[in-house]
């Protein structure tokens, strides 16, 4: 059941698959960000004066 009220979409469901899929996508995004942060941290370890790395 889905209803639109002034541009707001509300979906009520007893099926948790949509929520599970969204949570998996968020978890995947967080893992990718963690990898990027680890790489940045490792690069800063070797070149701590690099301003561009600090901005990341």
PDB file of N, CA and C in Angstrom:
ATOM      1  N   UNK A   1       0.844  -1.155   0.000  1.00  0.00           N
ATOM      2  CA  UNK A   1       0.000   0.000   0.000  1.00  0.00           C
ATOM      3  C   UNK A   1       0.899   1.230   0.000  1.00  0.00           C
ATOM      4  N   UNK A   2       0.656   2.119  -0.899  1.00  0.00           N
ATOM      5  CA  UNK A   2       1.478   3.309  -1.038  1.00  0.00           C
ATOM      6  C   UNK A   2       0.575   4.508  -1.231  1.00  0.00           C
ATOM      7  N   UNK A   3       0.914   5.632  -0.634  1.00  0.00           N
ATOM      8  CA  UNK A   3       0.076   6.814  -0.713  1.00  0.00           C
ATOM      9  C   UNK A   3       0.967   8.044  -0.806  1.00  0.00           C
ATOM     10  N   UNK A   4       0.574   9.009  -1.625  1.00  0.00           N
ATOM     11  CA  UNK A   4       1.332  10.244  -1.754  1.00  0.00           C
ATOM     12  C   UNK A   4       0.540  11.392  -1.148  1.00  0.00           C
ATOM     13  N   UNK A   5       1.165  12.116  -0.229  1.00  0.00           N
ATOM     14  CA  UNK A   5       0.526  13.250   0.409  1.00  0.00           C
ATOM     15  C   UNK A   5       1.467  14.444   0.274  1.00  0.00           C
ATOM     16  N   UNK A   6       1.088  15.418  -0.557  1.00  0.00           N
ATOM     17  CA  UNK A   6       1.870  16.634  -0.759  1.00  0.00           C
ATOM     18  C   UNK A   6       3.341  16.323  -1.036  1.00  0.00           C
ATOM     19  N   UNK A   7       3.613  15.407  -1.935  1.00  0.00           N
ATOM     20  CA  UNK A   7       4.983  15.106  -2.327  1.00  0.00           C
ATOM     21  C   UNK A   7       5.706  14.126  -1.426  1.00  0.00           C
ATOM     22  N   UNK A   8       5.062  13.624  -0.401  1.00  0.00           N
ATOM     23  CA  UNK A   8       5.676  12.670   0.512  1.00  0.00           C
ATOM     24  C   UNK A   8       5.157  11.283   0.189  1.00  0.00           C
ATOM     25  N   UNK A   9       6.066  10.363  -0.106  1.00  0.00           N
ATOM     26  CA  UNK A   9       5.678   8.983  -0.398  1.00  0.00           C
ATOM     27  C   UNK A   9       5.834   8.140   0.858  1.00  0.00           C
ATOM     28  N   UNK A  10       4.782   7.457   1.207  1.00  0.00           N
ATOM     29  CA  UNK A  10       4.802   6.574   2.368  1.00  0.00           C
ATOM     30  C   UNK A  10       4.444   5.176   1.889  1.00  0.00           C
ATOM     31  N   UNK A  11       5.296   4.219   2.208  1.00  0.00           N
ATOM     32  CA  UNK A  11       5.048   2.839   1.809  1.00  0.00           C
ATOM     33  C   UNK A  11       4.994   1.982   3.068  1.00  0.00           C
ATOM     34  N   UNK A  12       3.862   1.357   3.275  1.00  0.00           N
ATOM     35  CA  UNK A  12       3.687   0.472   4.417  1.00  0.00           C
ATOM     36  C   UNK A  12       3.650  -0.963   3.913  1.00  0.00           C
ATOM     37  N   UNK A  13       4.445  -1.794   4.541  1.00  0.00           N
ATOM     38  CA  UNK A  13       4.518  -3.168   4.088  1.00  0.00           C
ATOM     39  C   UNK A  13       4.987  -4.057   5.234  1.00  0.00           C
ATOM     40  N   UNK A  14       4.551  -5.276   5.203  1.00  0.00           N
ATOM     41  CA  UNK A  14       5.027  -6.248   6.178  1.00  0.00           C
ATOM     42  C   UNK A  14       6.218  -7.018   5.636  1.00  0.00           C
ATOM     43  N   UNK A  15       6.538  -6.762   4.395  1.00  0.00           N
ATOM     44  CA  UNK A  15       7.660  -7.434   3.743  1.00  0.00           C
ATOM     45  C   UNK A  15       8.933  -6.648   4.041  1.00  0.00           C
ATOM     46  N   UNK A  16       9.915  -7.291   4.646  1.00  0.00           N
ATOM     47  CA  UNK A  16      11.145  -6.613   5.037  1.00  0.00           C
ATOM     48  C   UNK A  16      12.241  -6.652   3.996  1.00  0.00           C
ATOM     49  N   UNK A  17      11.959  -7.161   2.802  1.00  0.00           N
ATOM     50  CA  UNK A  17      12.997  -7.283   1.775  1.00  0.00           C
ATOM     51  C   UNK A  17      13.545  -5.934   1.331  1.00  0.00           C
ATOM     52  N   UNK A  18      12.667  -4.940   1.191  1.00  0.00           N
ATOM     53  CA  UNK A  18      13.130  -3.619   0.776  1.00  0.00           C
ATOM     54  C   UNK A  18      14.105  -3.041   1.802  1.00  0.00           C
ATOM     55  N   UNK A  19      13.755  -3.171   3.060  1.00  0.00           N
ATOM     56  CA  UNK A  19      14.617  -2.670   4.126  1.00  0.00           C
ATOM     57  C   UNK A  19      15.943  -3.414   4.128  1.00  0.00           C
ATOM     58  N   UNK A  20      15.902  -4.721   3.981  1.00  0.00           N
ATOM     59  CA  UNK A  20      17.124  -5.518   3.960  1.00  0.00           C
ATOM     60  C   UNK A  20      18.022  -5.109   2.801  1.00  0.00           C
ATOM     61  N   UNK A  21      17.436  -4.886   1.635  1.00  0.00           N
ATOM     62  CA  UNK A  21      18.224  -4.478   0.468  1.00  0.00           C
ATOM     63  C   UNK A  21      18.861  -3.110   0.687  1.00  0.00           C
ATOM     64  N   UNK A  22      18.122  -2.184   1.265  1.00  0.00           N
ATOM     65  CA  UNK A  22      18.657  -0.851   1.539  1.00  0.00           C
ATOM     66  C   UNK A  22      19.795  -0.925   2.554  1.00  0.00           C
ATOM     67  N   UNK A  23      19.612  -1.739   3.587  1.00  0.00           N
ATOM     68  CA  UNK A  23      20.656  -1.877   4.602  1.00  0.00           C
ATOM     69  C   UNK A  23      21.917  -2.513   4.019  1.00  0.00           C
ATOM     70  N   UNK A  24      21.753  -3.487   3.130  1.00  0.00           N
ATOM     71  CA  UNK A  24      22.910  -4.102   2.480  1.00  0.00           C
ATOM     72  C   UNK A  24      23.651  -3.087   1.621  1.00  0.00           C
ATOM     73  N   UNK A  25      22.902  -2.229   0.924  1.00  0.00           N
ATOM     74  CA  UNK A  25      23.517  -1.203   0.080  1.00  0.00           C
ATOM     75  C   UNK A  25      24.288  -0.196   0.938  1.00  0.00           C
ATOM     76  N   UNK A  26      23.700   0.202   2.058  1.00  0.00           N
ATOM     77  CA  UNK A  26      24.367   1.134   2.966  1.00  0.00           C
ATOM     78  C   UNK A  26      25.628   0.499   3.531  1.00  0.00           C
ATOM     79  N   UNK A  27      25.534  -0.762   3.904  1.00  0.00           N
ATOM     80  CA  UNK A  27      26.685  -1.467   4.452  1.00  0.00           C
ATOM     81  C   UNK A  27      27.803  -1.568   3.415  1.00  0.00           C
ATOM     82  N   UNK A  28      27.445  -1.817   2.177  1.00  0.00           N
ATOM     83  CA  UNK A  28      28.422  -1.886   1.100  1.00  0.00           C
ATOM     84  C   UNK A  28      29.110  -0.537   0.902  1.00  0.00           C
ATOM     85  N   UNK A  29      28.329   0.534   0.927  1.00  0.00           N
ATOM     86  CA  UNK A  29      28.891   1.884   0.785  1.00  0.00           C
ATOM     87  C   UNK A  29      29.842   2.213   1.934  1.00  0.00           C
ATOM     88  N   UNK A  30      29.461   1.823   3.138  1.00  0.00           N
ATOM     89  CA  UNK A  30      30.312   2.080   4.296  1.00  0.00           C
ATOM     90  C   UNK A  30      31.624   1.310   4.217  1.00  0.00           C
ATOM     91  N   UNK A  31      31.578   0.081   3.718  1.00  0.00           N
ATOM     92  CA  UNK A  31      32.798  -0.705   3.560  1.00  0.00           C
ATOM     93  C   UNK A  31      33.738  -0.043   2.556  1.00  0.00           C
ATOM     94  N   UNK A  32      33.172   0.477   1.473  1.00  0.00           N
ATOM     95  CA  UNK A  32      33.984   1.153   0.463  1.00  0.00           C
ATOM     96  C   UNK A  32      34.623   2.416   1.042  1.00  0.00           C
ATOM     97  N   UNK A  33      33.864   3.168   1.826  1.00  0.00           N
ATOM     98  CA  UNK A  33      34.407   4.367   2.451  1.00  0.00           C
ATOM     99  C   UNK A  33      35.498   4.021   3.453  1.00  0.00           C
ATOM    100  N   UNK A  34      35.321   2.916   4.162  1.00  0.00           N
ATOM    101  CA  UNK A  34      36.333   2.471   5.115  1.00  0.00           C
ATOM    102  C   UNK A  34      37.633   2.136   4.397  1.00  0.00           C
ATOM    103  N   UNK A  35      37.540   1.469   3.253  1.00  0.00           N
ATOM    104  CA  UNK A  35      38.728   1.146   2.475  1.00  0.00           C
ATOM    105  C   UNK A  35      39.439   2.410   2.022  1.00  0.00           C
ATOM    106  N   UNK A  36      38.663   3.401   1.579  1.00  0.00           N
ATOM    107  CA  UNK A  36      39.252   4.669   1.149  1.00  0.00           C
ATOM    108  C   UNK A  36      39.960   5.368   2.305  1.00  0.00           C
ATOM    109  N   UNK A  37      39.340   5.366   3.475  1.00  0.00           N
ATOM    110  CA  UNK A  37      39.951   5.994   4.639  1.00  0.00           C
ATOM    111  C   UNK A  37      41.228   5.289   5.066  1.00  0.00           C
ATOM    112  N   UNK A  38      41.242   3.975   4.988  1.00  0.00           N
ATOM    113  CA  UNK A  38      42.452   3.225   5.330  1.00  0.00           C
ATOM    114  C   UNK A  38      43.583   3.549   4.365  1.00  0.00           C
ATOM    115  N   UNK A  39      43.248   3.666   3.074  1.00  0.00           N
ATOM    116  CA  UNK A  39      44.259   4.004   2.073  1.00  0.00           C
ATOM    117  C   UNK A  39      44.795   5.412   2.311  1.00  0.00           C
ATOM    118  N   UNK A  40      43.913   6.341   2.619  1.00  0.00           N
ATOM    119  CA  UNK A  40      44.333   7.717   2.904  1.00  0.00           C
ATOM    120  C   UNK A  40      45.214   7.757   4.143  1.00  0.00           C
ATOM    121  N   UNK A  41      44.838   7.024   5.162  1.00  0.00           N
ATOM    122  CA  UNK A  41      45.619   6.981   6.403  1.00  0.00           C
ATOM    123  C   UNK A  41      47.010   6.412   6.134  1.00  0.00           C
ATOM    124  N   UNK A  42      47.081   5.363   5.329  1.00  0.00           N
ATOM    125  CA  UNK A  42      48.379   4.772   4.995  1.00  0.00           C
ATOM    126  C   UNK A  42      49.236   5.756   4.215  1.00  0.00           C
ATOM    127  N   UNK A  43      48.626   6.506   3.294  1.00  0.00           N
ATOM    128  CA  UNK A  43      49.378   7.494   2.528  1.00  0.00           C
ATOM    129  C   UNK A  43      49.868   8.629   3.420  1.00  0.00           C
ATOM    130  N   UNK A  44      49.068   9.032   4.390  1.00  0.00           N
ATOM    131  CA  UNK A  44      49.489  10.087   5.313  1.00  0.00           C
ATOM    132  C   UNK A  44      50.631   9.618   6.206  1.00  0.00           C
ATOM    133  N   UNK A  45      50.664   8.346   6.467  1.00  0.00           N
ATOM    134  CA  UNK A  45      51.743   7.797   7.295  1.00  0.00           C
ATOM    135  C   UNK A  45      53.100   8.032   6.623  1.00  0.00           C
ATOM    136  N   UNK A  46      53.121   7.946   5.301  1.00  0.00           N
ATOM    137  CA  UNK A  46      54.368   8.107   4.568  1.00  0.00           C
ATOM    138  C   UNK A  46      54.624   9.542   4.134  1.00  0.00           C
ATOM    139  N   UNK A  47      53.576  10.345   4.006  1.00  0.00           N
ATOM    140  CA  UNK A  47      53.711  11.734   3.570  1.00  0.00           C
ATOM    141  C   UNK A  47      52.741  12.601   4.360  1.00  0.00           C
ATOM    142  N   UNK A  48      53.089  12.924   5.588  1.00  0.00           N
ATOM    143  CA  UNK A  48      52.177  13.648   6.467  1.00  0.00           C
ATOM    144  C   UNK A  48      52.064  15.130   6.122  1.00  0.00           C
ATOM    145  N   UNK A  49      52.903  15.629   5.241  1.00  0.00           N
ATOM    146  CA  UNK A  49      52.847  17.048   4.883  1.00  0.00           C
ATOM    147  C   UNK A  49      51.937  17.302   3.674  1.00  0.00           C
ATOM    148  N   UNK A  50      51.350  16.264   3.101  1.00  0.00           N
ATOM    149  CA  UNK A  50      50.498  16.411   1.933  1.00  0.00           C
ATOM    150  C   UNK A  50      49.138  16.971   2.334  1.00  0.00           C
ATOM    151  N   UNK A  51      48.884  18.229   1.967  1.00  0.00           N
ATOM    152  CA  UNK A  51      47.657  18.911   2.350  1.00  0.00           C
ATOM    153  C   UNK A  51      46.436  18.296   1.679  1.00  0.00           C
ATOM    154  N   UNK A  52      46.574  17.848   0.459  1.00  0.00           N
ATOM    155  CA  UNK A  52      45.439  17.252  -0.262  1.00  0.00           C
ATOM    156  C   UNK A  52      44.948  15.983   0.439  1.00  0.00           C
ATOM    157  N   UNK A  53      45.838  15.186   0.949  1.00  0.00           N
ATOM    158  CA  UNK A  53      45.432  13.987   1.687  1.00  0.00           C
ATOM    159  C   UNK A  53      44.686  14.350   2.963  1.00  0.00           C
ATOM    160  N   UNK A  54      45.127  15.402   3.631  1.00  0.00           N
ATOM    161  CA  UNK A  54      44.436  15.825   4.857  1.00  0.00           C
ATOM    162  C   UNK A  54      43.031  16.301   4.564  1.00  0.00           C
ATOM    163  N   UNK A  55      42.821  16.906   3.388  1.00  0.00           N
ATOM    164  CA  UNK A  55      41.493  17.370   3.016  1.00  0.00           C
ATOM    165  C   UNK A  55      40.535  16.199   2.796  1.00  0.00           C
ATOM    166  N   UNK A  56      41.072  15.083   2.328  1.00  0.00           N
ATOM    167  CA  UNK A  56      40.224  13.910   2.091  1.00  0.00           C
ATOM    168  C   UNK A  56      39.702  13.387   3.401  1.00  0.00           C
TER     169      UNK A  56
END
